[in-house]
Amino acid sequence: MTKTALADLYRGYIACLNRQDWPNLHRFVADDARHNGRPFGLAGYRAMLERDFEEIPDLSSTSNA
């Protein structure tokens, strides 16, 4: 993957998070994702993000890539 393609992918991921576009999270997170070394999966990662956004209403991500 080129540096430009990787930067575009990262920006897409950040945009997905900021829109809270959970149905499209699978475009950026694998079904067998791990978090801090433990199996988490896409469903667990999504649940964590949803909880984070619920608990921190003004949460947003920025991209400096």
N, C-alpha and C. Protein backbone atom coordinates (compact mmCIF):
# COMPACT_ATOMS: atom_id res chain seq x y z
N MET A 1 0.85 -1.16 0.00
CA MET A 1 0.00 0.00 0.00
C MET A 1 0.91 1.24 0.00
N THR A 2 0.58 2.16 -0.84
CA THR A 2 1.37 3.39 -0.91
C THR A 2 1.08 4.28 0.30
N LYS A 3 1.97 5.20 0.54
CA LYS A 3 1.78 6.15 1.64
C LYS A 3 0.50 6.96 1.45
N THR A 4 0.22 7.35 0.22
CA THR A 4 -1.00 8.12 -0.08
C THR A 4 -2.24 7.27 0.16
N ALA A 5 -2.22 6.03 -0.27
CA ALA A 5 -3.37 5.14 -0.07
C ALA A 5 -3.60 4.89 1.42
N LEU A 6 -2.52 4.71 2.16
CA LEU A 6 -2.65 4.49 3.60
C LEU A 6 -3.23 5.73 4.28
N ALA A 7 -2.77 6.91 3.90
CA ALA A 7 -3.29 8.17 4.46
C ALA A 7 -4.77 8.32 4.13
N ASP A 8 -5.16 7.99 2.91
CA ASP A 8 -6.57 8.06 2.51
C ASP A 8 -7.42 7.09 3.32
N LEU A 9 -6.91 5.89 3.53
CA LEU A 9 -7.62 4.90 4.32
C LEU A 9 -7.80 5.38 5.76
N TYR A 10 -6.74 5.93 6.34
CA TYR A 10 -6.80 6.46 7.70
C TYR A 10 -7.82 7.60 7.79
N ARG A 11 -7.80 8.51 6.83
CA ARG A 11 -8.77 9.62 6.84
C ARG A 11 -10.20 9.09 6.71
N GLY A 12 -10.38 8.06 5.92
CA GLY A 12 -11.70 7.44 5.79
C GLY A 12 -12.16 6.84 7.12
N TYR A 13 -11.25 6.20 7.82
CA TYR A 13 -11.55 5.62 9.14
C TYR A 13 -11.94 6.72 10.12
N ILE A 14 -11.17 7.81 10.17
CA ILE A 14 -11.47 8.92 11.06
C ILE A 14 -12.83 9.53 10.71
N ALA A 15 -13.11 9.70 9.43
CA ALA A 15 -14.41 10.24 9.01
C ALA A 15 -15.54 9.32 9.42
N CYS A 16 -15.33 8.01 9.30
CA CYS A 16 -16.33 7.02 9.72
C CYS A 16 -16.62 7.16 11.21
N LEU A 17 -15.57 7.32 12.01
CA LEU A 17 -15.76 7.49 13.45
C LEU A 17 -16.51 8.78 13.74
N ASN A 18 -16.11 9.86 13.13
CA ASN A 18 -16.74 11.15 13.41
C ASN A 18 -18.20 11.18 12.99
N ARG A 19 -18.56 10.45 11.95
CA ARG A 19 -19.96 10.36 11.52
C ARG A 19 -20.73 9.34 12.36
N GLN A 20 -19.98 8.57 13.14
CA GLN A 20 -20.56 7.44 13.87
C GLN A 20 -21.30 6.52 12.91
N ASP A 21 -20.64 6.25 11.81
CA ASP A 21 -21.19 5.43 10.72
C ASP A 21 -20.88 3.96 10.98
N TRP A 22 -21.47 3.44 12.05
CA TRP A 22 -21.14 2.08 12.50
C TRP A 22 -21.41 1.01 11.45
N PRO A 23 -22.44 1.11 10.62
CA PRO A 23 -22.64 0.08 9.61
C PRO A 23 -21.47 -0.06 8.62
N ASN A 24 -20.67 0.99 8.44
CA ASN A 24 -19.53 0.92 7.53
C ASN A 24 -18.20 0.73 8.23
N LEU A 25 -18.22 0.51 9.54
CA LEU A 25 -16.99 0.31 10.29
C LEU A 25 -16.22 -0.91 9.77
N HIS A 26 -16.93 -1.89 9.25
CA HIS A 26 -16.27 -3.11 8.74
C HIS A 26 -15.29 -2.80 7.60
N ARG A 27 -15.42 -1.65 6.97
CA ARG A 27 -14.48 -1.28 5.90
C ARG A 27 -13.09 -1.00 6.46
N PHE A 28 -13.01 -0.75 7.77
CA PHE A 28 -11.76 -0.34 8.39
C PHE A 28 -11.29 -1.27 9.51
N VAL A 29 -12.18 -2.10 10.03
CA VAL A 29 -11.86 -2.96 11.17
C VAL A 29 -12.19 -4.41 10.79
N ALA A 30 -11.25 -5.31 11.02
CA ALA A 30 -11.43 -6.71 10.68
C ALA A 30 -12.36 -7.41 11.67
N ASP A 31 -13.01 -8.46 11.20
CA ASP A 31 -13.90 -9.25 12.06
C ASP A 31 -13.15 -9.86 13.25
N ASP A 32 -11.86 -10.11 13.08
CA ASP A 32 -11.08 -10.72 14.15
C ASP A 32 -10.14 -9.72 14.83
N ALA A 33 -10.56 -8.46 14.87
CA ALA A 33 -9.75 -7.41 15.49
C ALA A 33 -9.42 -7.75 16.94
N ARG A 34 -8.26 -7.26 17.36
CA ARG A 34 -7.83 -7.43 18.75
C ARG A 34 -7.64 -6.04 19.35
N HIS A 35 -7.89 -5.92 20.62
CA HIS A 35 -7.74 -4.65 21.32
C HIS A 35 -6.89 -4.89 22.55
N ASN A 36 -5.76 -4.20 22.62
CA ASN A 36 -4.82 -4.40 23.73
C ASN A 36 -4.48 -5.87 23.92
N GLY A 37 -4.32 -6.57 22.80
CA GLY A 37 -3.88 -7.96 22.84
C GLY A 37 -4.96 -9.00 23.05
N ARG A 38 -6.19 -8.58 23.28
CA ARG A 38 -7.25 -9.57 23.52
C ARG A 38 -8.23 -9.59 22.34
N PRO A 39 -8.77 -10.76 22.05
CA PRO A 39 -9.74 -10.85 20.97
C PRO A 39 -10.93 -9.93 21.26
N PHE A 40 -11.30 -9.15 20.29
CA PHE A 40 -12.35 -8.16 20.46
C PHE A 40 -13.39 -8.29 19.36
N GLY A 41 -12.89 -8.52 18.15
CA GLY A 41 -13.77 -8.63 17.00
C GLY A 41 -14.39 -7.30 16.62
N LEU A 42 -14.95 -7.26 15.45
CA LEU A 42 -15.60 -6.05 14.96
C LEU A 42 -16.76 -5.65 15.87
N ALA A 43 -17.55 -6.61 16.31
CA ALA A 43 -18.70 -6.31 17.17
C ALA A 43 -18.27 -5.70 18.50
N GLY A 44 -17.22 -6.23 19.10
CA GLY A 44 -16.72 -5.69 20.36
C GLY A 44 -16.12 -4.31 20.18
N TYR A 45 -15.41 -4.11 19.08
CA TYR A 45 -14.82 -2.80 18.80
C TYR A 45 -15.91 -1.76 18.58
N ARG A 46 -16.93 -2.15 17.83
CA ARG A 46 -18.06 -1.23 17.59
C ARG A 46 -18.76 -0.89 18.90
N ALA A 47 -19.01 -1.88 19.73
CA ALA A 47 -19.67 -1.63 21.02
C ALA A 47 -18.84 -0.68 21.88
N MET A 48 -17.51 -0.84 21.86
CA MET A 48 -16.64 0.05 22.62
C MET A 48 -16.77 1.48 22.11
N LEU A 49 -16.75 1.65 20.79
CA LEU A 49 -16.87 2.99 20.21
C LEU A 49 -18.22 3.62 20.51
N GLU A 50 -19.28 2.84 20.37
CA GLU A 50 -20.61 3.36 20.67
C GLU A 50 -20.70 3.83 22.12
N ARG A 51 -20.14 3.04 23.00
CA ARG A 51 -20.13 3.39 24.43
C ARG A 51 -19.31 4.67 24.66
N ASP A 52 -18.15 4.76 24.01
CA ASP A 52 -17.31 5.95 24.14
C ASP A 52 -18.05 7.20 23.67
N PHE A 53 -18.71 7.12 22.54
CA PHE A 53 -19.43 8.27 22.00
C PHE A 53 -20.63 8.63 22.87
N GLU A 54 -21.24 7.63 23.49
CA GLU A 54 -22.37 7.89 24.38
C GLU A 54 -21.90 8.57 25.66
N GLU A 55 -20.78 8.11 26.20
CA GLU A 55 -20.27 8.63 27.47
C GLU A 55 -19.56 9.98 27.31
N ILE A 56 -19.06 10.25 26.09
CA ILE A 56 -18.33 11.50 25.83
C ILE A 56 -18.99 12.17 24.63
N PRO A 57 -20.07 12.90 24.82
CA PRO A 57 -20.86 13.43 23.70
C PRO A 57 -20.08 14.30 22.71
N ASP A 58 -19.05 15.01 23.16
CA ASP A 58 -18.32 15.88 22.23
C ASP A 58 -17.04 15.21 21.70
N LEU A 59 -16.96 13.90 21.81
CA LEU A 59 -15.80 13.16 21.32
C LEU A 59 -15.72 13.27 19.80
N SER A 60 -14.55 13.58 19.31
CA SER A 60 -14.31 13.54 17.87
C SER A 60 -12.85 13.21 17.65
N SER A 61 -12.57 12.71 16.49
CA SER A 61 -11.21 12.36 16.12
C SER A 61 -10.71 13.38 15.11
N THR A 62 -9.42 13.58 15.10
CA THR A 62 -8.83 14.47 14.11
C THR A 62 -7.81 13.69 13.32
N SER A 63 -7.53 14.17 12.16
CA SER A 63 -6.55 13.54 11.30
C SER A 63 -5.49 14.54 10.92
N ASN A 64 -4.26 14.21 11.23
CA ASN A 64 -3.13 15.04 10.83
C ASN A 64 -2.25 14.29 9.84
N ALA A 65 -2.78 13.22 9.29
CA ALA A 65 -1.98 12.40 8.36
C ALA A 65 -1.82 13.08 7.04
